[in-house]
């Protein structure tokens, strides 16, 4: 399987090859086809291959079952990838808004902004009134 190839494209290509081999008189079992497909998947499907091998008896597992399982997993991966893209765009939009907010405060200078002190009246020292 090529790294940029979809599961649907790859499995239809495999199915076509298997049908050609059978038409030439080759006796190839479904178990062999399933095993070869699982071995030839790209590393991004490695965890799916392990899950299929652990949860199913590959001698009884059909090519159609494998095909539907792999397509479902690929769809889930694509959905997850889309959500990550949306989050990236959302974060990018938020950073632009933050930049605008920072530009609004650019002319204020250092310190506490436009008011002075901490709000304890107009006295210059702590104990000035107790004199």
Foldseek 3Di string as FASTA:
>chain_A
DDPPDALVVVLVVLVVVVVVCVVVPDDDDQLNSVVVVLVPDDPVCVVVSVVPVVPDDSVPDGSVNVSVSRNVVVVVVVVVVVVVVVVVVVVVVVVVVVVVVVVVCPPQDDDDGDDDDDPPDDDDDDCPVVD
